[in-house]
């Protein structure tokens, strides 16, 4: 079977598993979700497009399932004659949805920052999302950008490789 995903041309192929400090190009669905939870709140480093978008698919599936469960429980708890809730069984799916959302908030931001790093951008650009409407679109466009070799400066240990120039010595 042929290679399903194109490899990043800027990275040398490494034998064995890719360390967590490096992006996993051509990640599978399961590998992307596993790496997401292993790198729970890691803002340094990079995340490949496949890592990012496979987890976004997982996130959409989980939230959709929880939302459908919430809507079913809300509809089933309403009295058809009075329109008032007869029981509060909808609180469990609502609580599950809130807990899942809070549990994945920080790691989701961290994943987005790592994706920006892989595109060669600063993670601080994620703050653009605070701008109504346009900010979300901008972060979406940034996350679609291809990997760039300049993104390696955000990897762990890159401080030594990309150290700033030493200060100029004063001339007498």
N, C-alpha and C. Protein backbone atom coordinates (compact mmCIF):
# COMPACT_ATOMS: atom_id res chain seq x y z
N UNK A 1 0.85 -1.18 0.00
CA UNK A 1 0.00 0.00 0.00
C UNK A 1 0.89 1.23 0.00
N UNK A 2 0.55 2.22 -0.77
CA UNK A 2 1.37 3.42 -0.88
C UNK A 2 1.23 4.30 0.36
N UNK A 3 2.14 5.22 0.50
CA UNK A 3 2.12 6.14 1.63
C UNK A 3 0.87 7.01 1.53
N UNK A 4 0.06 7.02 2.58
CA UNK A 4 -1.21 7.75 2.52
C UNK A 4 -1.01 9.25 2.67
N UNK A 5 -0.07 9.66 3.49
CA UNK A 5 0.14 11.07 3.74
C UNK A 5 1.52 11.48 3.25
N UNK A 6 1.60 12.68 2.76
CA UNK A 6 2.90 13.19 2.32
C UNK A 6 3.72 13.57 3.55
N UNK A 7 4.97 13.24 3.53
CA UNK A 7 5.86 13.58 4.64
C UNK A 7 6.33 15.01 4.48
N UNK A 8 6.68 15.63 5.58
CA UNK A 8 7.21 16.98 5.56
C UNK A 8 8.58 16.93 4.90
N UNK A 9 8.80 17.69 3.85
CA UNK A 9 10.09 17.62 3.15
C UNK A 9 11.24 18.24 3.93
N UNK A 10 10.94 18.98 4.99
CA UNK A 10 11.98 19.68 5.76
C UNK A 10 12.53 18.85 6.91
N UNK A 11 11.95 17.69 7.15
CA UNK A 11 12.36 16.87 8.28
C UNK A 11 12.97 15.57 7.78
N UNK A 12 14.09 15.20 8.36
CA UNK A 12 14.72 13.93 8.02
C UNK A 12 13.88 12.80 8.60
N UNK A 13 13.72 11.73 7.87
CA UNK A 13 12.98 10.57 8.36
C UNK A 13 13.76 9.93 9.50
N UNK A 14 13.08 9.64 10.59
CA UNK A 14 13.73 9.05 11.75
C UNK A 14 13.22 7.63 11.95
N UNK A 15 14.11 6.70 12.23
CA UNK A 15 13.64 5.35 12.51
C UNK A 15 12.98 5.32 13.90
N UNK A 16 11.96 4.50 14.04
CA UNK A 16 11.30 4.36 15.32
C UNK A 16 10.24 5.42 15.55
N UNK A 17 9.68 5.45 16.75
CA UNK A 17 8.61 6.41 17.04
C UNK A 17 9.14 7.85 17.11
N UNK A 18 8.28 8.77 16.72
CA UNK A 18 8.64 10.18 16.76
C UNK A 18 8.50 10.66 18.21
N UNK A 19 9.52 11.33 18.76
CA UNK A 19 9.41 11.81 20.14
C UNK A 19 8.31 12.86 20.27
N UNK A 20 7.78 12.99 21.48
CA UNK A 20 6.71 13.95 21.72
C UNK A 20 7.14 15.39 21.49
N UNK A 21 8.43 15.65 21.54
CA UNK A 21 8.91 17.01 21.34
C UNK A 21 8.90 17.42 19.87
N UNK A 22 8.67 16.48 18.96
CA UNK A 22 8.65 16.76 17.53
C UNK A 22 7.24 16.57 16.98
N UNK A 23 6.88 17.29 15.91
CA UNK A 23 5.57 17.07 15.31
C UNK A 23 5.50 15.73 14.60
N UNK A 24 4.33 15.13 14.59
CA UNK A 24 4.12 13.84 13.94
C UNK A 24 3.40 14.08 12.62
N UNK A 25 4.18 14.12 11.53
CA UNK A 25 3.60 14.35 10.21
C UNK A 25 2.96 13.06 9.73
N UNK A 26 1.77 13.16 9.15
CA UNK A 26 1.05 11.99 8.68
C UNK A 26 0.47 11.19 9.83
N UNK A 27 0.08 11.85 10.91
CA UNK A 27 -0.46 11.17 12.09
C UNK A 27 -1.79 10.51 11.77
N UNK A 28 -2.04 9.38 12.38
CA UNK A 28 -3.34 8.73 12.24
C UNK A 28 -4.29 9.33 13.26
N UNK A 29 -5.56 9.00 13.15
CA UNK A 29 -6.58 9.52 14.06
C UNK A 29 -6.24 9.18 15.51
N UNK A 30 -5.98 7.91 15.76
CA UNK A 30 -5.68 7.47 17.12
C UNK A 30 -4.40 8.06 17.67
N UNK A 31 -3.37 8.14 16.83
CA UNK A 31 -2.09 8.70 17.28
C UNK A 31 -2.24 10.19 17.61
N UNK A 32 -3.04 10.91 16.83
CA UNK A 32 -3.23 12.34 17.09
C UNK A 32 -3.96 12.56 18.40
N UNK A 33 -4.99 11.77 18.66
CA UNK A 33 -5.74 11.92 19.92
C UNK A 33 -4.87 11.54 21.11
N UNK A 34 -4.08 10.47 20.97
CA UNK A 34 -3.19 10.03 22.03
C UNK A 34 -2.14 11.10 22.34
N UNK A 35 -1.55 11.67 21.30
CA UNK A 35 -0.54 12.71 21.50
C UNK A 35 -1.15 13.96 22.11
N UNK A 36 -2.41 14.26 21.77
CA UNK A 36 -3.09 15.42 22.35
C UNK A 36 -3.15 15.29 23.87
N UNK A 37 -3.55 14.13 24.34
CA UNK A 37 -3.68 13.95 25.78
C UNK A 37 -2.33 13.77 26.48
N UNK A 38 -1.32 13.28 25.75
CA UNK A 38 0.01 13.17 26.35
C UNK A 38 0.67 14.55 26.50
N UNK A 39 0.39 15.44 25.56
CA UNK A 39 0.97 16.79 25.58
C UNK A 39 -0.11 17.76 26.09
N UNK A 40 -0.71 17.43 27.21
CA UNK A 40 -1.90 18.10 27.73
C UNK A 40 -1.79 19.62 27.76
N UNK A 41 -0.74 20.16 28.35
CA UNK A 41 -0.62 21.62 28.45
C UNK A 41 0.77 22.07 28.00
N UNK A 42 1.25 21.49 26.92
CA UNK A 42 2.56 21.83 26.38
C UNK A 42 2.38 22.88 25.29
N UNK A 43 2.84 24.09 25.58
CA UNK A 43 2.69 25.18 24.62
C UNK A 43 3.92 25.32 23.73
N UNK A 44 5.03 24.69 24.10
CA UNK A 44 6.23 24.76 23.27
C UNK A 44 6.21 23.61 22.28
N UNK A 45 6.98 23.74 21.23
CA UNK A 45 7.04 22.70 20.22
C UNK A 45 6.07 22.98 19.09
N UNK A 46 5.84 21.94 18.29
CA UNK A 46 5.01 22.09 17.10
C UNK A 46 4.02 20.95 16.99
N UNK A 47 2.94 21.18 16.25
CA UNK A 47 1.94 20.15 15.94
C UNK A 47 1.67 20.19 14.45
N UNK A 48 1.75 19.05 13.80
CA UNK A 48 1.52 18.99 12.36
C UNK A 48 0.04 19.23 12.05
N UNK A 49 -0.23 19.46 10.78
CA UNK A 49 -1.63 19.66 10.38
C UNK A 49 -2.46 18.42 10.66
N UNK A 50 -1.89 17.24 10.42
CA UNK A 50 -2.67 16.03 10.66
C UNK A 50 -2.97 15.85 12.15
N UNK A 51 -2.01 16.14 13.01
CA UNK A 51 -2.26 16.08 14.46
C UNK A 51 -3.41 17.00 14.84
N UNK A 52 -3.34 18.21 14.33
CA UNK A 52 -4.33 19.23 14.69
C UNK A 52 -5.73 18.87 14.18
N UNK A 53 -5.83 18.55 12.89
CA UNK A 53 -7.15 18.34 12.32
C UNK A 53 -7.77 17.02 12.73
N UNK A 54 -6.98 15.97 13.00
CA UNK A 54 -7.56 14.73 13.52
C UNK A 54 -8.14 14.96 14.90
N UNK A 55 -7.43 15.75 15.72
CA UNK A 55 -8.02 16.00 17.03
C UNK A 55 -9.26 16.88 16.92
N UNK A 56 -9.28 17.84 16.01
CA UNK A 56 -10.47 18.68 15.84
C UNK A 56 -11.67 17.83 15.41
N UNK A 57 -11.42 16.81 14.57
CA UNK A 57 -12.50 15.89 14.21
C UNK A 57 -12.99 15.13 15.43
N UNK A 58 -12.06 14.62 16.25
CA UNK A 58 -12.43 13.93 17.48
C UNK A 58 -13.24 14.84 18.39
N UNK A 59 -12.81 16.09 18.52
CA UNK A 59 -13.50 17.06 19.36
C UNK A 59 -14.92 17.29 18.84
N UNK A 60 -15.08 17.44 17.54
CA UNK A 60 -16.40 17.66 16.96
C UNK A 60 -17.32 16.46 17.18
N UNK A 61 -16.78 15.26 17.06
CA UNK A 61 -17.59 14.06 17.27
C UNK A 61 -18.05 13.97 18.72
N UNK A 62 -17.14 14.17 19.66
CA UNK A 62 -17.50 14.07 21.08
C UNK A 62 -18.53 15.14 21.45
N UNK A 63 -18.31 16.36 21.02
CA UNK A 63 -19.24 17.44 21.36
C UNK A 63 -20.60 17.20 20.71
N UNK A 64 -20.63 16.68 19.49
CA UNK A 64 -21.90 16.39 18.83
C UNK A 64 -22.67 15.30 19.57
N UNK A 65 -21.98 14.24 19.98
CA UNK A 65 -22.64 13.16 20.72
C UNK A 65 -23.18 13.69 22.05
N UNK A 66 -22.38 14.47 22.76
CA UNK A 66 -22.86 15.02 24.03
C UNK A 66 -24.02 15.98 23.83
N UNK A 67 -23.98 16.76 22.77
CA UNK A 67 -25.06 17.71 22.49
C UNK A 67 -26.35 16.98 22.12
N UNK A 68 -26.25 15.92 21.32
CA UNK A 68 -27.45 15.14 20.98
C UNK A 68 -28.04 14.53 22.23
N UNK A 69 -27.18 13.97 23.11
CA UNK A 69 -27.68 13.43 24.37
C UNK A 69 -28.35 14.49 25.23
N UNK A 70 -27.80 15.68 25.24
CA UNK A 70 -28.40 16.79 25.99
C UNK A 70 -29.76 17.16 25.41
N UNK A 71 -29.86 17.28 24.10
CA UNK A 71 -31.14 17.65 23.48
C UNK A 71 -32.20 16.57 23.70
N UNK A 72 -31.81 15.31 23.61
CA UNK A 72 -32.77 14.22 23.85
C UNK A 72 -33.28 14.27 25.28
N UNK A 73 -32.38 14.49 26.23
CA UNK A 73 -32.81 14.53 27.63
C UNK A 73 -33.65 15.77 27.93
N UNK A 74 -33.38 16.88 27.28
CA UNK A 74 -34.20 18.08 27.48
C UNK A 74 -35.60 17.86 26.93
N UNK A 75 -35.69 17.33 25.71
CA UNK A 75 -36.99 17.11 25.09
C UNK A 75 -37.80 16.08 25.88
N UNK A 76 -37.14 15.04 26.38
CA UNK A 76 -37.88 14.02 27.12
C UNK A 76 -38.28 14.47 28.51
N UNK A 77 -37.69 15.54 29.02
CA UNK A 77 -38.05 15.99 30.37
C UNK A 77 -39.10 17.08 30.37
N UNK A 78 -39.57 17.52 29.21
CA UNK A 78 -40.57 18.59 29.14
C UNK A 78 -41.97 17.99 29.07
N UNK A 79 -42.85 18.52 29.89
CA UNK A 79 -44.25 18.10 29.88
C UNK A 79 -44.90 18.68 28.63
N UNK A 80 -45.51 17.84 27.77
CA UNK A 80 -46.07 18.35 26.53
C UNK A 80 -47.26 19.29 26.71
N UNK A 81 -47.93 19.24 27.87
CA UNK A 81 -49.11 20.08 28.08
C UNK A 81 -48.76 21.43 28.69
N UNK A 82 -47.86 21.42 29.64
CA UNK A 82 -47.53 22.67 30.32
C UNK A 82 -46.26 23.31 29.76
N UNK A 83 -45.40 22.54 29.14
CA UNK A 83 -44.15 23.06 28.62
C UNK A 83 -43.10 23.27 29.68
N UNK A 84 -43.35 22.77 30.88
CA UNK A 84 -42.38 22.91 31.96
C UNK A 84 -41.64 21.59 32.16
N UNK A 85 -40.42 21.67 32.67
CA UNK A 85 -39.67 20.42 32.90
C UNK A 85 -40.30 19.60 34.02
N UNK A 86 -40.43 18.30 33.79
CA UNK A 86 -40.99 17.41 34.81
C UNK A 86 -39.89 16.82 35.68
N UNK A 87 -38.71 16.70 35.15
CA UNK A 87 -37.57 16.23 35.92
C UNK A 87 -36.32 16.94 35.40
N UNK A 88 -35.25 16.71 36.07
CA UNK A 88 -34.02 17.40 35.71
C UNK A 88 -32.95 16.41 35.27
N UNK A 89 -33.34 15.44 34.46
CA UNK A 89 -32.38 14.46 33.95
C UNK A 89 -31.42 15.07 32.94
N UNK A 90 -31.78 16.24 32.40
CA UNK A 90 -30.89 16.89 31.44
C UNK A 90 -29.65 17.47 32.11
N UNK A 91 -29.65 17.51 33.43
CA UNK A 91 -28.49 18.06 34.14
C UNK A 91 -27.25 17.17 33.98
N UNK A 92 -27.43 15.86 33.89
CA UNK A 92 -26.28 14.96 33.73
C UNK A 92 -25.57 15.18 32.38
N UNK A 93 -26.29 15.13 31.24
CA UNK A 93 -25.57 15.39 29.99
C UNK A 93 -25.01 16.81 29.92
N UNK A 94 -25.70 17.78 30.51
CA UNK A 94 -25.18 19.14 30.51
C UNK A 94 -23.91 19.22 31.34
N UNK A 95 -23.89 18.54 32.47
CA UNK A 95 -22.69 18.51 33.31
C UNK A 95 -21.54 17.83 32.59
N UNK A 96 -21.81 16.71 31.91
CA UNK A 96 -20.77 16.01 31.16
C UNK A 96 -20.19 16.90 30.06
N UNK A 97 -21.06 17.64 29.39
CA UNK A 97 -20.60 18.52 28.32
C UNK A 97 -19.74 19.65 28.88
N UNK A 98 -20.13 20.20 30.00
CA UNK A 98 -19.36 21.28 30.62
C UNK A 98 -18.01 20.76 31.13
N UNK A 99 -18.00 19.59 31.75
CA UNK A 99 -16.75 19.02 32.27
C UNK A 99 -15.80 18.72 31.12
N UNK A 100 -16.32 18.13 30.02
CA UNK A 100 -15.47 17.83 28.87
C UNK A 100 -14.92 19.13 28.27
N UNK A 101 -15.76 20.14 28.15
CA UNK A 101 -15.31 21.41 27.60
C UNK A 101 -14.22 22.05 28.44
N UNK A 102 -14.40 22.02 29.75
CA UNK A 102 -13.38 22.59 30.64
C UNK A 102 -12.10 21.76 30.64
N UNK A 103 -12.25 20.43 30.53
CA UNK A 103 -11.08 19.55 30.54
C UNK A 103 -10.23 19.69 29.28
N UNK A 104 -10.84 20.08 28.18
CA UNK A 104 -10.09 20.19 26.93
C UNK A 104 -9.82 21.65 26.52
N UNK A 105 -10.17 22.60 27.36
CA UNK A 105 -9.96 24.01 27.02
C UNK A 105 -8.48 24.36 26.92
N UNK A 106 -7.73 24.14 27.98
CA UNK A 106 -6.30 24.49 27.98
C UNK A 106 -5.51 23.64 26.97
N UNK A 107 -5.71 22.32 26.92
CA UNK A 107 -4.95 21.56 25.92
C UNK A 107 -5.35 21.91 24.48
N UNK A 108 -6.58 22.33 24.26
CA UNK A 108 -6.99 22.75 22.93
C UNK A 108 -6.27 24.03 22.51
N UNK A 109 -6.13 24.95 23.45
CA UNK A 109 -5.38 26.18 23.17
C UNK A 109 -3.91 25.83 22.92
N UNK A 110 -3.37 24.93 23.74
CA UNK A 110 -1.97 24.52 23.57
C UNK A 110 -1.75 23.88 22.21
N UNK A 111 -2.67 23.05 21.77
CA UNK A 111 -2.56 22.43 20.44
C UNK A 111 -2.59 23.49 19.35
N UNK A 112 -3.45 24.47 19.48
CA UNK A 112 -3.52 25.54 18.48
C UNK A 112 -2.23 26.35 18.45
N UNK A 113 -1.67 26.61 19.62
CA UNK A 113 -0.40 27.35 19.67
C UNK A 113 0.70 26.54 19.00
N UNK A 114 0.76 25.23 19.28
CA UNK A 114 1.77 24.38 18.63
C UNK A 114 1.56 24.33 17.12
N UNK A 115 0.30 24.35 16.67
CA UNK A 115 0.03 24.36 15.23
C UNK A 115 0.52 25.67 14.61
N UNK A 116 0.33 26.79 15.30
CA UNK A 116 0.85 28.06 14.81
C UNK A 116 2.37 28.02 14.73
N UNK A 117 3.01 27.40 15.72
CA UNK A 117 4.47 27.26 15.70
C UNK A 117 4.92 26.49 14.47
N UNK A 118 4.22 25.41 14.12
CA UNK A 118 4.62 24.59 12.98
C UNK A 118 4.49 25.37 11.68
N UNK A 119 3.57 26.33 11.65
CA UNK A 119 3.41 27.17 10.46
C UNK A 119 4.42 28.30 10.44
N UNK A 120 5.32 28.34 11.43
CA UNK A 120 6.35 29.37 11.49
C UNK A 120 5.87 30.66 12.12
N UNK A 121 4.73 30.64 12.82
CA UNK A 121 4.17 31.83 13.43
C UNK A 121 4.32 31.78 14.94
N UNK A 122 4.23 32.92 15.57
CA UNK A 122 4.29 32.99 17.02
C UNK A 122 2.98 32.48 17.60
N UNK A 123 3.06 31.80 18.73
CA UNK A 123 1.86 31.32 19.40
C UNK A 123 0.99 32.45 19.94
N UNK A 124 1.59 33.61 20.12
CA UNK A 124 0.84 34.76 20.62
C UNK A 124 -0.22 35.21 19.61
N UNK A 125 -0.08 34.80 18.36
CA UNK A 125 -1.10 35.13 17.36
C UNK A 125 -2.44 34.49 17.69
N UNK A 126 -2.45 33.50 18.56
CA UNK A 126 -3.71 32.88 18.96
C UNK A 126 -4.63 33.90 19.64
N UNK A 127 -4.05 34.92 20.23
CA UNK A 127 -4.87 35.94 20.90
C UNK A 127 -5.75 36.71 19.91
N UNK A 128 -5.48 36.57 18.62
CA UNK A 128 -6.34 37.19 17.61
C UNK A 128 -7.76 36.65 17.72
N UNK A 129 -7.91 35.47 18.29
CA UNK A 129 -9.23 34.85 18.42
C UNK A 129 -10.16 35.69 19.31
N UNK A 130 -9.60 36.60 20.09
CA UNK A 130 -10.42 37.46 20.93
C UNK A 130 -11.16 38.54 20.14
N UNK A 131 -10.74 38.77 18.91
CA UNK A 131 -11.44 39.72 18.03
C UNK A 131 -12.70 39.02 17.51
N UNK A 132 -13.87 39.60 17.75
CA UNK A 132 -15.10 38.93 17.32
C UNK A 132 -15.12 38.63 15.82
N UNK A 133 -15.62 37.51 15.45
CA UNK A 133 -15.81 36.97 14.10
C UNK A 133 -14.50 36.85 13.32
N UNK A 134 -13.83 37.95 13.06
CA UNK A 134 -12.63 37.96 12.24
C UNK A 134 -11.50 37.16 12.91
N UNK A 135 -11.42 37.21 14.23
CA UNK A 135 -10.36 36.51 14.94
C UNK A 135 -10.44 35.01 14.75
N UNK A 136 -11.63 34.44 14.85
CA UNK A 136 -11.80 33.00 14.65
C UNK A 136 -11.46 32.58 13.24
N UNK A 137 -11.83 33.40 12.28
CA UNK A 137 -11.52 33.11 10.88
C UNK A 137 -10.01 33.19 10.66
N UNK A 138 -9.36 34.18 11.27
CA UNK A 138 -7.91 34.33 11.11
C UNK A 138 -7.17 33.12 11.68
N UNK A 139 -7.57 32.65 12.87
CA UNK A 139 -6.92 31.48 13.47
C UNK A 139 -7.18 30.25 12.62
N UNK A 140 -8.37 30.13 12.04
CA UNK A 140 -8.65 29.01 11.13
C UNK A 140 -7.71 29.05 9.93
N UNK A 141 -7.53 30.21 9.33
CA UNK A 141 -6.63 30.34 8.18
C UNK A 141 -5.19 30.02 8.59
N UNK A 142 -4.76 30.52 9.76
CA UNK A 142 -3.40 30.23 10.23
C UNK A 142 -3.19 28.73 10.43
N UNK A 143 -4.22 28.03 10.92
CA UNK A 143 -4.07 26.60 11.18
C UNK A 143 -4.05 25.79 9.88
N UNK A 144 -4.49 26.38 8.79
CA UNK A 144 -4.46 25.70 7.50
C UNK A 144 -3.12 25.85 6.78
N UNK A 145 -2.27 26.74 7.25
CA UNK A 145 -0.99 27.00 6.60
C UNK A 145 -0.09 25.76 6.65
N UNK A 146 0.74 25.56 5.63
CA UNK A 146 1.64 24.40 5.63
C UNK A 146 2.78 24.57 6.63
N UNK A 147 3.43 23.48 6.92
CA UNK A 147 4.58 23.49 7.82
C UNK A 147 5.73 24.26 7.19
N UNK A 148 6.47 24.95 8.04
CA UNK A 148 7.63 25.70 7.57
C UNK A 148 8.84 25.34 8.42
N UNK A 149 10.01 25.31 7.82
CA UNK A 149 11.20 24.94 8.59
C UNK A 149 11.53 25.95 9.69
N UNK A 150 11.09 27.20 9.54
CA UNK A 150 11.35 28.20 10.59
C UNK A 150 10.66 27.85 11.90
N UNK A 151 9.65 26.99 11.85
CA UNK A 151 8.93 26.60 13.05
C UNK A 151 9.78 25.82 14.02
N UNK A 152 10.91 25.30 13.58
CA UNK A 152 11.80 24.51 14.45
C UNK A 152 12.35 25.36 15.59
N UNK A 153 12.31 26.67 15.45
CA UNK A 153 12.83 27.52 16.53
C UNK A 153 11.97 27.43 17.79
N UNK A 154 10.76 26.88 17.68
CA UNK A 154 9.88 26.75 18.83
C UNK A 154 10.01 25.40 19.52
N UNK A 155 10.86 24.51 18.98
CA UNK A 155 11.04 23.19 19.59
C UNK A 155 11.81 23.29 20.89
N UNK A 156 11.66 22.28 21.73
CA UNK A 156 12.41 22.22 22.98
C UNK A 156 13.89 22.10 22.66
N UNK A 157 14.70 22.86 23.33
CA UNK A 157 16.13 22.84 23.11
C UNK A 157 16.58 23.71 21.95
N UNK A 158 15.66 24.41 21.33
CA UNK A 158 16.02 25.25 20.19
C UNK A 158 16.73 26.53 20.63
N UNK A 159 16.71 26.82 21.93
CA UNK A 159 17.37 28.04 22.42
C UNK A 159 18.86 27.99 22.11
N UNK A 160 19.47 26.79 22.23
CA UNK A 160 20.89 26.67 21.97
C UNK A 160 21.18 26.79 20.47
N UNK A 161 20.31 26.21 19.66
CA UNK A 161 20.53 26.22 18.22
C UNK A 161 20.25 27.60 17.63
N UNK A 162 19.24 28.28 18.15
CA UNK A 162 18.85 29.58 17.61
C UNK A 162 19.13 30.68 18.63
N UNK A 163 20.26 30.60 19.29
CA UNK A 163 20.61 31.59 20.31
C UNK A 163 20.85 32.95 19.64
N UNK A 164 20.53 34.02 20.35
CA UNK A 164 20.77 35.34 19.76
C UNK A 164 22.27 35.60 19.65
N UNK A 165 22.60 36.51 18.79
CA UNK A 165 24.01 36.87 18.61
C UNK A 165 24.55 37.42 19.92
N UNK A 166 25.81 37.13 20.24
CA UNK A 166 26.38 37.69 21.47
C UNK A 166 26.50 39.21 21.32
N UNK A 167 26.39 39.92 22.43
CA UNK A 167 26.46 41.37 22.34
C UNK A 167 27.83 41.80 21.81
N UNK A 168 27.80 42.88 21.09
CA UNK A 168 29.06 43.40 20.53
C UNK A 168 29.94 43.92 21.66
N UNK A 169 31.21 43.63 21.56
CA UNK A 169 32.14 44.10 22.59
C UNK A 169 32.39 45.60 22.36
N UNK A 170 32.47 46.33 23.44
CA UNK A 170 32.72 47.78 23.28
C UNK A 170 34.12 48.01 22.70
N UNK A 171 34.17 48.88 21.76
CA UNK A 171 35.45 49.16 21.13
C UNK A 171 36.13 50.30 21.86
N UNK A 172 37.42 50.13 22.10
CA UNK A 172 38.16 51.14 22.86
C UNK A 172 38.78 52.17 21.97
